[in-house]
C-alpha cells in the first residue's frame, strides 16, 4: 500500500498493526517525512519524492495507492504525469483511491469561473498559495465526467463517491487493468 502525499501521516498512522505487509508513504515535504520517520517509522517506509515523477519504486509494486488531498491542488499537466506514474507502480488489478474537489466546493471568490469549470470539467486557480509549499500547489476542482473521461487514459474508473472523504472531498476509485 502506498500513501501518495502522506504529509504528516494523518491517514497512514491508522494502518499500524493492521497486517498490511508493505506500507510506504511519500511526500514532497522533507520536514513532514522526517517527522513521520521519527514518530511513525514502525508504520511504514517514508520517502521524500520530487515534484515530478518518477517514484522510487519498481513497476507493479502496490495493490493499493491512495491520494488524499493532492489532486485537489495540482495543475492538470502535473496530475496527468502523476496518474501515469501511479499507474506504473500499481499492480495489474490494483486500485487507486483519490480525492477531488467537486464543483460544489468552489468558493464564492471563484464563482465567476464556475461556468468554465462546468464547461471544461477542470479548473485550477492560482492565488495566495500555502506557506512552505511550492508555488504550483494551489487549488483544483474536477467534475465527475471529467475524471471518468480523462483519468480513464491511465486507470479504469470503477466508483465515484460524493463527499466520501471527511464529508467534504469526493472519492474516485480506479483499477489498473
N, C-alpha and C. Protein backbone atom coordinates (compact mmCIF):
# COMPACT_ATOMS: atom_id res chain seq x y z
N UNK A 1 0.84 -1.16 0.00
CA UNK A 1 0.00 0.00 0.00
C UNK A 1 0.90 1.24 0.00
N UNK A 2 0.50 2.25 -0.79
CA UNK A 2 1.24 3.50 -0.87
C UNK A 2 0.33 4.67 -0.55
N UNK A 3 0.77 5.51 0.38
CA UNK A 3 0.12 6.78 0.67
C UNK A 3 0.90 7.84 -0.10
N UNK A 4 0.34 8.29 -1.23
CA UNK A 4 0.98 9.28 -2.08
C UNK A 4 0.57 10.67 -1.59
N UNK A 5 1.54 11.41 -1.07
CA UNK A 5 1.24 12.70 -0.45
C UNK A 5 0.87 12.52 1.01
N UNK A 6 1.66 11.70 1.71
CA UNK A 6 1.31 11.31 3.08
C UNK A 6 1.38 12.44 4.09
N UNK A 7 2.10 13.53 3.77
CA UNK A 7 2.20 14.64 4.72
C UNK A 7 2.68 14.17 6.07
N UNK A 8 1.99 14.56 7.12
CA UNK A 8 2.39 14.20 8.48
C UNK A 8 1.82 12.85 8.92
N UNK A 9 1.31 12.07 7.99
CA UNK A 9 0.85 10.72 8.32
C UNK A 9 -0.54 10.64 8.90
N UNK A 10 -1.39 11.61 8.61
CA UNK A 10 -2.71 11.64 9.22
C UNK A 10 -3.58 10.45 8.84
N UNK A 11 -3.34 9.84 7.67
CA UNK A 11 -4.10 8.65 7.26
C UNK A 11 -3.30 7.38 7.53
N UNK A 12 -2.06 7.38 7.12
CA UNK A 12 -1.24 6.16 7.19
C UNK A 12 -1.05 5.65 8.62
N UNK A 13 -1.11 6.52 9.61
CA UNK A 13 -0.91 6.11 11.00
C UNK A 13 -1.96 5.09 11.45
N UNK A 14 -3.10 5.06 10.78
CA UNK A 14 -4.17 4.13 11.17
C UNK A 14 -3.93 2.70 10.69
N UNK A 15 -2.87 2.49 9.93
CA UNK A 15 -2.58 1.15 9.43
C UNK A 15 -1.58 0.40 10.30
N UNK A 16 -1.11 1.01 11.36
CA UNK A 16 -0.17 0.36 12.27
C UNK A 16 -0.81 -0.90 12.85
N UNK A 17 -0.11 -2.00 12.73
CA UNK A 17 -0.58 -3.26 13.31
C UNK A 17 -1.79 -3.86 12.63
N UNK A 18 -2.09 -3.46 11.42
CA UNK A 18 -3.27 -3.96 10.71
C UNK A 18 -2.95 -5.13 9.77
N UNK A 19 -1.71 -5.58 9.76
CA UNK A 19 -1.36 -6.74 8.96
C UNK A 19 -1.10 -6.46 7.49
N UNK A 20 -0.96 -5.21 7.12
CA UNK A 20 -0.61 -4.89 5.74
C UNK A 20 0.88 -5.16 5.59
N UNK A 21 1.28 -6.05 4.67
CA UNK A 21 2.68 -6.47 4.62
C UNK A 21 3.68 -5.38 4.22
N UNK A 22 3.30 -4.48 3.35
CA UNK A 22 4.22 -3.42 2.95
C UNK A 22 3.44 -2.12 2.83
N UNK A 23 3.86 -1.13 3.61
CA UNK A 23 3.23 0.17 3.57
C UNK A 23 4.33 1.20 3.34
N UNK A 24 4.08 2.12 2.40
CA UNK A 24 5.02 3.19 2.11
C UNK A 24 4.27 4.50 2.05
N UNK A 25 4.98 5.56 2.40
CA UNK A 25 4.43 6.91 2.30
C UNK A 25 5.44 7.81 1.64
N UNK A 26 4.97 8.64 0.71
CA UNK A 26 5.85 9.60 0.04
C UNK A 26 5.22 10.98 0.10
N UNK A 27 6.10 11.99 0.12
CA UNK A 27 5.64 13.37 0.12
C UNK A 27 6.78 14.24 -0.37
N UNK A 28 6.43 15.43 -0.90
CA UNK A 28 7.45 16.37 -1.36
C UNK A 28 8.04 17.19 -0.22
N UNK A 29 7.45 17.10 0.95
CA UNK A 29 7.87 17.91 2.10
C UNK A 29 8.85 17.12 2.97
N UNK A 30 10.14 17.45 2.91
CA UNK A 30 11.13 16.70 3.69
C UNK A 30 10.92 16.80 5.19
N UNK A 31 10.39 17.93 5.64
CA UNK A 31 10.13 18.09 7.08
C UNK A 31 9.03 17.13 7.55
N UNK A 32 7.98 16.99 6.75
CA UNK A 32 6.90 16.05 7.10
C UNK A 32 7.41 14.61 7.09
N UNK A 33 8.23 14.27 6.10
CA UNK A 33 8.77 12.91 6.04
C UNK A 33 9.68 12.65 7.22
N UNK A 34 10.51 13.61 7.61
CA UNK A 34 11.37 13.44 8.78
C UNK A 34 10.53 13.20 10.03
N UNK A 35 9.43 13.95 10.18
CA UNK A 35 8.55 13.75 11.33
C UNK A 35 7.95 12.35 11.30
N UNK A 36 7.48 11.92 10.13
CA UNK A 36 6.89 10.59 10.01
C UNK A 36 7.91 9.50 10.35
N UNK A 37 9.13 9.66 9.86
CA UNK A 37 10.17 8.66 10.16
C UNK A 37 10.42 8.57 11.67
N UNK A 38 10.42 9.70 12.34
CA UNK A 38 10.68 9.73 13.77
C UNK A 38 9.51 9.17 14.57
N UNK A 39 8.30 9.57 14.21
CA UNK A 39 7.13 9.23 15.02
C UNK A 39 6.31 8.06 14.51
N UNK A 40 6.44 7.74 13.22
CA UNK A 40 5.62 6.67 12.64
C UNK A 40 6.47 5.64 11.90
N UNK A 41 7.76 5.64 12.14
CA UNK A 41 8.66 4.75 11.41
C UNK A 41 8.29 3.28 11.48
N UNK A 42 7.61 2.87 12.53
CA UNK A 42 7.19 1.47 12.66
C UNK A 42 6.01 1.15 11.74
N UNK A 43 5.33 2.18 11.27
CA UNK A 43 4.13 2.00 10.45
C UNK A 43 4.48 1.77 8.98
N UNK A 44 5.47 2.52 8.47
CA UNK A 44 5.72 2.50 7.03
C UNK A 44 7.15 2.94 6.70
N UNK A 45 7.51 2.71 5.46
CA UNK A 45 8.75 3.22 4.89
C UNK A 45 8.40 4.59 4.29
N UNK A 46 8.98 5.66 4.82
CA UNK A 46 8.68 7.02 4.37
C UNK A 46 9.83 7.56 3.53
N UNK A 47 9.49 8.17 2.39
CA UNK A 47 10.50 8.71 1.49
C UNK A 47 10.05 10.05 0.93
N UNK A 48 11.03 10.93 0.74
CA UNK A 48 10.78 12.20 0.08
C UNK A 48 10.76 11.93 -1.42
N UNK A 49 9.80 12.54 -2.11
CA UNK A 49 9.73 12.41 -3.56
C UNK A 49 9.85 13.79 -4.19
N UNK A 50 10.20 13.81 -5.44
CA UNK A 50 10.31 15.08 -6.14
C UNK A 50 8.95 15.61 -6.56
N UNK A 51 8.96 16.79 -7.17
CA UNK A 51 7.73 17.41 -7.64
C UNK A 51 7.18 16.72 -8.88
N UNK A 52 8.03 15.96 -9.56
CA UNK A 52 7.64 15.26 -10.79
C UNK A 52 8.10 13.82 -10.69
N UNK A 53 7.46 12.92 -11.44
CA UNK A 53 7.89 11.52 -11.44
C UNK A 53 9.35 11.40 -11.85
N UNK A 54 9.97 10.28 -11.51
CA UNK A 54 9.39 9.02 -11.05
C UNK A 54 9.39 8.88 -9.53
N UNK A 55 8.65 7.88 -9.08
CA UNK A 55 8.67 7.47 -7.69
C UNK A 55 9.82 6.47 -7.50
N UNK A 56 10.31 6.30 -6.27
CA UNK A 56 11.44 5.40 -6.02
C UNK A 56 11.03 3.93 -5.84
N UNK A 57 10.09 3.46 -6.65
CA UNK A 57 9.61 2.09 -6.54
C UNK A 57 9.59 1.44 -7.91
N UNK A 58 9.80 0.13 -7.96
CA UNK A 58 9.70 -0.56 -9.26
C UNK A 58 8.25 -0.64 -9.73
N UNK A 59 8.10 -0.95 -10.99
CA UNK A 59 6.75 -1.13 -11.57
C UNK A 59 6.01 -2.22 -10.82
N UNK A 60 4.68 -2.08 -10.79
CA UNK A 60 3.79 -3.09 -10.21
C UNK A 60 4.11 -3.40 -8.74
N UNK A 61 4.40 -2.38 -7.96
CA UNK A 61 4.80 -2.55 -6.55
C UNK A 61 3.63 -2.61 -5.57
N UNK A 62 2.50 -1.99 -5.90
CA UNK A 62 1.45 -1.81 -4.89
C UNK A 62 0.09 -2.31 -5.35
N UNK A 63 -0.62 -2.92 -4.41
CA UNK A 63 -2.00 -3.34 -4.66
C UNK A 63 -2.96 -2.17 -4.49
N UNK A 64 -2.57 -1.21 -3.66
CA UNK A 64 -3.43 -0.06 -3.36
C UNK A 64 -2.57 1.18 -3.23
N UNK A 65 -2.99 2.24 -3.91
CA UNK A 65 -2.40 3.57 -3.74
C UNK A 65 -3.55 4.51 -3.40
N UNK A 66 -3.38 5.28 -2.34
CA UNK A 66 -4.39 6.30 -2.07
C UNK A 66 -3.73 7.67 -2.08
N UNK A 67 -4.54 8.64 -2.54
CA UNK A 67 -4.07 10.00 -2.77
C UNK A 67 -5.13 10.94 -2.20
N UNK A 68 -4.90 11.39 -0.99
CA UNK A 68 -5.88 12.24 -0.32
C UNK A 68 -5.38 13.68 -0.33
N UNK A 69 -6.17 14.56 -0.92
CA UNK A 69 -5.89 16.00 -0.93
C UNK A 69 -4.57 16.33 -1.63
N UNK A 70 -4.33 15.69 -2.77
CA UNK A 70 -3.18 16.03 -3.61
C UNK A 70 -3.66 16.53 -4.96
N UNK A 71 -4.48 15.74 -5.65
CA UNK A 71 -5.01 16.19 -6.95
C UNK A 71 -5.92 17.41 -6.80
N UNK A 72 -6.29 17.72 -5.60
CA UNK A 72 -7.08 18.92 -5.30
C UNK A 72 -6.23 20.19 -5.36
N UNK A 73 -4.92 20.01 -5.58
CA UNK A 73 -4.01 21.16 -5.53
C UNK A 73 -3.02 21.24 -6.70
N UNK A 74 -3.13 20.37 -7.67
CA UNK A 74 -2.15 20.32 -8.76
C UNK A 74 -2.73 20.79 -10.09
N UNK A 75 -1.90 21.43 -10.92
CA UNK A 75 -2.36 21.76 -12.28
C UNK A 75 -2.54 20.48 -13.10
N UNK A 76 -3.29 20.60 -14.16
CA UNK A 76 -3.68 19.43 -14.96
C UNK A 76 -2.48 18.64 -15.49
N UNK A 77 -1.45 19.30 -16.01
CA UNK A 77 -0.31 18.57 -16.56
C UNK A 77 0.40 17.75 -15.49
N UNK A 78 0.51 18.27 -14.28
CA UNK A 78 1.13 17.52 -13.18
C UNK A 78 0.25 16.34 -12.78
N UNK A 79 -1.06 16.54 -12.79
CA UNK A 79 -1.95 15.43 -12.45
C UNK A 79 -1.78 14.28 -13.44
N UNK A 80 -1.74 14.61 -14.72
CA UNK A 80 -1.59 13.56 -15.73
C UNK A 80 -0.25 12.85 -15.58
N UNK A 81 0.81 13.59 -15.31
CA UNK A 81 2.13 12.97 -15.13
C UNK A 81 2.11 12.03 -13.93
N UNK A 82 1.48 12.45 -12.84
CA UNK A 82 1.43 11.60 -11.66
C UNK A 82 0.47 10.42 -11.84
N UNK A 83 -0.63 10.60 -12.55
CA UNK A 83 -1.51 9.47 -12.83
C UNK A 83 -0.79 8.40 -13.64
N UNK A 84 0.00 8.82 -14.61
CA UNK A 84 0.79 7.87 -15.40
C UNK A 84 1.79 7.13 -14.50
N UNK A 85 2.44 7.85 -13.62
CA UNK A 85 3.41 7.23 -12.72
C UNK A 85 2.73 6.32 -11.71
N UNK A 86 1.60 6.71 -11.19
CA UNK A 86 0.88 5.85 -10.25
C UNK A 86 0.40 4.58 -10.96
N UNK A 87 -0.01 4.71 -12.22
CA UNK A 87 -0.38 3.52 -12.99
C UNK A 87 0.81 2.57 -13.09
N UNK A 88 2.00 3.13 -13.25
CA UNK A 88 3.20 2.30 -13.36
C UNK A 88 3.46 1.50 -12.09
N UNK A 89 3.26 2.11 -10.91
CA UNK A 89 3.61 1.41 -9.67
C UNK A 89 2.47 0.55 -9.11
N UNK A 90 1.27 0.68 -9.66
CA UNK A 90 0.15 -0.16 -9.21
C UNK A 90 0.20 -1.49 -9.98
N UNK A 91 0.02 -2.57 -9.26
CA UNK A 91 -0.02 -3.90 -9.89
C UNK A 91 -1.27 -4.05 -10.73
N UNK A 92 -1.24 -4.89 -11.76
CA UNK A 92 -2.48 -5.18 -12.51
C UNK A 92 -3.57 -5.67 -11.54
N UNK A 93 -4.73 -5.09 -11.66
CA UNK A 93 -5.83 -5.40 -10.75
C UNK A 93 -5.82 -4.56 -9.49
N UNK A 94 -4.75 -3.78 -9.28
CA UNK A 94 -4.64 -2.93 -8.11
C UNK A 94 -5.51 -1.69 -8.22
N UNK A 95 -5.67 -1.02 -7.09
CA UNK A 95 -6.60 0.10 -7.01
C UNK A 95 -5.91 1.42 -6.66
N UNK A 96 -6.50 2.49 -7.16
CA UNK A 96 -6.17 3.85 -6.79
C UNK A 96 -7.42 4.45 -6.17
N UNK A 97 -7.27 5.05 -5.01
CA UNK A 97 -8.34 5.83 -4.39
C UNK A 97 -7.81 7.26 -4.28
N UNK A 98 -8.52 8.19 -4.89
CA UNK A 98 -8.07 9.58 -4.89
C UNK A 98 -9.21 10.51 -4.55
N UNK A 99 -8.88 11.61 -3.90
CA UNK A 99 -9.90 12.60 -3.58
C UNK A 99 -9.80 13.77 -4.55
N UNK A 100 -10.94 14.40 -4.78
CA UNK A 100 -11.01 15.59 -5.63
C UNK A 100 -11.97 16.60 -5.00
N UNK A 101 -11.81 17.85 -5.41
CA UNK A 101 -12.79 18.88 -5.08
C UNK A 101 -13.84 18.88 -6.18
N UNK A 102 -15.08 18.67 -5.83
CA UNK A 102 -16.19 18.72 -6.77
C UNK A 102 -16.59 20.18 -7.00
N UNK A 103 -17.34 20.47 -8.08
CA UNK A 103 -17.77 21.85 -8.35
C UNK A 103 -18.50 22.51 -7.18
N UNK A 104 -19.20 21.73 -6.38
CA UNK A 104 -19.94 22.29 -5.24
C UNK A 104 -19.01 22.93 -4.21
N UNK A 105 -17.73 22.58 -4.25
CA UNK A 105 -16.77 23.13 -3.29
C UNK A 105 -16.07 24.38 -3.79
N UNK A 106 -16.44 24.84 -4.98
CA UNK A 106 -15.87 26.07 -5.50
C UNK A 106 -16.25 27.23 -4.58
N UNK A 107 -15.27 27.94 -4.03
CA UNK A 107 -15.60 29.01 -3.07
C UNK A 107 -16.21 30.22 -3.75
N UNK A 108 -16.93 31.04 -3.00
CA UNK A 108 -17.60 32.21 -3.58
C UNK A 108 -16.66 33.13 -4.36
N UNK A 109 -15.42 33.28 -3.90
CA UNK A 109 -14.49 34.18 -4.60
C UNK A 109 -14.09 33.66 -5.98
N UNK A 110 -14.41 32.40 -6.29
CA UNK A 110 -14.12 31.83 -7.61
C UNK A 110 -15.39 31.61 -8.43
N UNK A 111 -16.53 32.07 -7.94
CA UNK A 111 -17.81 31.78 -8.60
C UNK A 111 -17.88 32.29 -10.03
N UNK A 112 -17.12 33.33 -10.37
CA UNK A 112 -17.12 33.84 -11.74
C UNK A 112 -16.53 32.82 -12.72
N UNK A 113 -15.83 31.83 -12.20
CA UNK A 113 -15.22 30.80 -13.07
C UNK A 113 -15.99 29.48 -13.05
N UNK A 114 -17.15 29.48 -12.42
CA UNK A 114 -17.95 28.26 -12.33
C UNK A 114 -18.33 27.73 -13.71
N UNK A 115 -18.74 28.63 -14.63
CA UNK A 115 -19.10 28.19 -15.98
C UNK A 115 -17.92 27.53 -16.68
N UNK A 116 -16.72 28.07 -16.47
CA UNK A 116 -15.51 27.47 -17.05
C UNK A 116 -15.30 26.05 -16.50
N UNK A 117 -15.47 25.89 -15.20
CA UNK A 117 -15.33 24.57 -14.58
C UNK A 117 -16.35 23.59 -15.16
N UNK A 118 -17.59 24.01 -15.25
CA UNK A 118 -18.63 23.12 -15.76
C UNK A 118 -18.44 22.82 -17.25
N UNK A 119 -17.94 23.77 -18.01
CA UNK A 119 -17.69 23.57 -19.45
C UNK A 119 -16.50 22.63 -19.67
N UNK A 120 -15.37 22.89 -18.98
CA UNK A 120 -14.14 22.14 -19.21
C UNK A 120 -14.01 20.91 -18.32
N UNK A 121 -14.71 20.92 -17.20
CA UNK A 121 -14.64 19.79 -16.27
C UNK A 121 -13.49 19.88 -15.29
N UNK A 122 -12.62 20.85 -15.48
CA UNK A 122 -11.45 21.02 -14.62
C UNK A 122 -11.16 22.51 -14.47
N UNK A 123 -10.78 22.91 -13.27
CA UNK A 123 -10.41 24.29 -13.03
C UNK A 123 -9.28 24.31 -12.01
N UNK A 124 -8.20 24.99 -12.38
CA UNK A 124 -7.05 25.19 -11.49
C UNK A 124 -6.93 26.69 -11.26
N UNK A 125 -6.94 27.09 -10.01
CA UNK A 125 -6.90 28.51 -9.67
C UNK A 125 -5.65 28.79 -8.85
N UNK A 126 -4.79 29.61 -9.42
CA UNK A 126 -3.60 30.05 -8.70
C UNK A 126 -3.95 31.31 -7.91
N UNK A 127 -3.41 31.38 -6.74
CA UNK A 127 -3.66 32.53 -5.87
C UNK A 127 -2.73 32.40 -4.69
N UNK A 128 -2.93 33.02 -3.66
CA UNK A 128 -2.07 33.07 -2.49
C UNK A 128 -1.12 31.93 -2.20
N UNK A 129 -1.49 30.70 -2.49
CA UNK A 129 -0.62 29.57 -2.18
C UNK A 129 -0.66 29.22 -0.71
N UNK A 130 0.19 28.27 -0.34
CA UNK A 130 0.27 27.80 1.03
C UNK A 130 1.70 27.97 1.51
N UNK A 131 1.92 28.68 2.60
CA UNK A 131 3.29 28.87 3.09
C UNK A 131 4.00 27.53 3.28
N UNK A 132 5.23 27.47 2.81
CA UNK A 132 6.03 26.26 2.96
C UNK A 132 5.86 25.26 1.84
N UNK A 133 4.89 25.49 0.96
CA UNK A 133 4.67 24.56 -0.16
C UNK A 133 5.03 25.26 -1.47
N UNK A 134 5.35 24.47 -2.51
CA UNK A 134 5.73 25.06 -3.79
C UNK A 134 4.62 25.92 -4.40
N UNK A 135 5.01 26.83 -5.28
CA UNK A 135 4.06 27.75 -5.91
C UNK A 135 2.97 27.03 -6.71
N UNK A 136 3.27 25.85 -7.26
CA UNK A 136 2.26 25.14 -8.07
C UNK A 136 1.15 24.56 -7.21
N UNK A 137 1.36 24.44 -5.91
CA UNK A 137 0.39 23.83 -5.01
C UNK A 137 -0.70 24.84 -4.70
N UNK A 138 -1.73 24.86 -5.54
CA UNK A 138 -2.82 25.82 -5.45
C UNK A 138 -4.14 25.08 -5.20
N UNK A 139 -5.18 25.35 -5.97
CA UNK A 139 -6.46 24.66 -5.80
C UNK A 139 -7.02 24.23 -7.15
N UNK A 140 -7.57 23.02 -7.16
CA UNK A 140 -8.13 22.46 -8.38
C UNK A 140 -9.47 21.80 -8.08
N UNK A 141 -10.37 21.88 -9.07
CA UNK A 141 -11.69 21.27 -8.97
C UNK A 141 -11.91 20.42 -10.22
N UNK A 142 -12.67 19.34 -10.06
CA UNK A 142 -12.97 18.41 -11.15
C UNK A 142 -14.47 18.11 -11.16
N UNK A 143 -15.01 17.87 -12.34
CA UNK A 143 -16.35 17.29 -12.41
C UNK A 143 -16.19 15.78 -12.49
N UNK A 144 -17.23 15.08 -12.13
CA UNK A 144 -17.20 13.62 -12.21
C UNK A 144 -16.97 13.18 -13.65
N UNK A 145 -17.65 13.81 -14.61
CA UNK A 145 -17.50 13.46 -16.02
C UNK A 145 -16.05 13.62 -16.48
N UNK A 146 -15.41 14.69 -16.07
CA UNK A 146 -14.01 14.93 -16.44
C UNK A 146 -13.13 13.78 -15.94
N UNK A 147 -13.28 13.43 -14.67
CA UNK A 147 -12.48 12.35 -14.08
C UNK A 147 -12.72 11.05 -14.83
N UNK A 148 -13.96 10.72 -15.08
CA UNK A 148 -14.26 9.46 -15.76
C UNK A 148 -13.73 9.42 -17.18
N UNK A 149 -13.71 10.56 -17.87
CA UNK A 149 -13.19 10.60 -19.25
C UNK A 149 -11.66 10.68 -19.30
N UNK A 150 -11.09 11.59 -18.57
CA UNK A 150 -9.65 11.86 -18.69
C UNK A 150 -8.78 10.90 -17.87
N UNK A 151 -9.20 10.53 -16.70
CA UNK A 151 -8.41 9.61 -15.90
C UNK A 151 -8.43 8.20 -16.49
N UNK A 152 -9.45 7.92 -17.31
CA UNK A 152 -9.55 6.59 -17.94
C UNK A 152 -8.39 6.32 -18.89
N UNK A 153 -7.65 7.33 -19.28
CA UNK A 153 -6.44 7.11 -20.10
C UNK A 153 -5.38 6.38 -19.29
N UNK A 154 -5.48 6.44 -17.98
CA UNK A 154 -4.46 5.88 -17.11
C UNK A 154 -4.95 4.65 -16.34
N UNK A 155 -6.14 4.76 -15.80
CA UNK A 155 -6.73 3.71 -14.96
C UNK A 155 -8.22 3.64 -15.25
N UNK A 156 -8.81 2.50 -14.94
CA UNK A 156 -10.24 2.30 -15.21
C UNK A 156 -11.08 2.79 -14.02
N UNK A 157 -11.84 3.89 -14.19
CA UNK A 157 -12.70 4.36 -13.09
C UNK A 157 -13.77 3.32 -12.75
N UNK A 158 -13.87 2.98 -11.49
CA UNK A 158 -14.84 1.99 -11.02
C UNK A 158 -15.99 2.61 -10.23
N UNK A 159 -15.65 3.59 -9.40
CA UNK A 159 -16.64 4.09 -8.46
C UNK A 159 -16.34 5.55 -8.14
N UNK A 160 -17.41 6.30 -7.97
CA UNK A 160 -17.30 7.71 -7.60
C UNK A 160 -18.22 7.93 -6.42
N UNK A 161 -17.69 8.48 -5.35
CA UNK A 161 -18.50 8.68 -4.15
C UNK A 161 -18.44 10.15 -3.73
N UNK A 162 -19.59 10.79 -3.72
CA UNK A 162 -19.69 12.19 -3.34
C UNK A 162 -19.42 12.37 -1.84
N UNK A 163 -18.57 13.33 -1.53
CA UNK A 163 -18.24 13.70 -0.15
C UNK A 163 -17.80 12.52 0.72
N UNK A 164 -17.08 11.60 0.15
CA UNK A 164 -16.66 10.40 0.86
C UNK A 164 -15.49 10.65 1.81
N UNK A 165 -14.72 11.68 1.56
CA UNK A 165 -13.55 11.97 2.39
C UNK A 165 -13.92 13.06 3.40
N UNK A 166 -14.14 12.63 4.63
CA UNK A 166 -14.47 13.55 5.72
C UNK A 166 -15.71 14.41 5.41
N UNK A 167 -16.64 13.83 4.67
CA UNK A 167 -17.86 14.53 4.25
C UNK A 167 -17.54 15.84 3.53
N UNK A 168 -16.44 15.84 2.79
CA UNK A 168 -16.00 17.06 2.11
C UNK A 168 -15.59 16.73 0.67
N UNK A 169 -14.43 16.12 0.48
CA UNK A 169 -13.94 15.82 -0.86
C UNK A 169 -14.60 14.55 -1.40
N UNK A 170 -14.77 14.52 -2.73
CA UNK A 170 -15.29 13.33 -3.38
C UNK A 170 -14.17 12.31 -3.54
N UNK A 171 -14.52 11.03 -3.60
CA UNK A 171 -13.53 9.97 -3.77
C UNK A 171 -13.76 9.26 -5.09
N UNK A 172 -12.67 8.95 -5.76
CA UNK A 172 -12.69 8.23 -7.02
C UNK A 172 -11.90 6.94 -6.81
N UNK A 173 -12.47 5.82 -7.20
CA UNK A 173 -11.78 4.53 -7.12
C UNK A 173 -11.55 4.06 -8.55
N UNK A 174 -10.29 3.77 -8.87
CA UNK A 174 -9.91 3.30 -10.20
C UNK A 174 -9.10 2.02 -10.08
N UNK A 175 -9.13 1.22 -11.14
CA UNK A 175 -8.39 -0.05 -11.17
C UNK A 175 -7.42 -0.04 -12.33
N UNK A 176 -6.27 -0.64 -12.12
CA UNK A 176 -5.33 -0.85 -13.22
C UNK A 176 -5.68 -2.18 -13.86
N UNK A 177 -6.02 -2.14 -15.14
CA UNK A 177 -6.38 -3.37 -15.86
C UNK A 177 -5.13 -4.14 -16.27
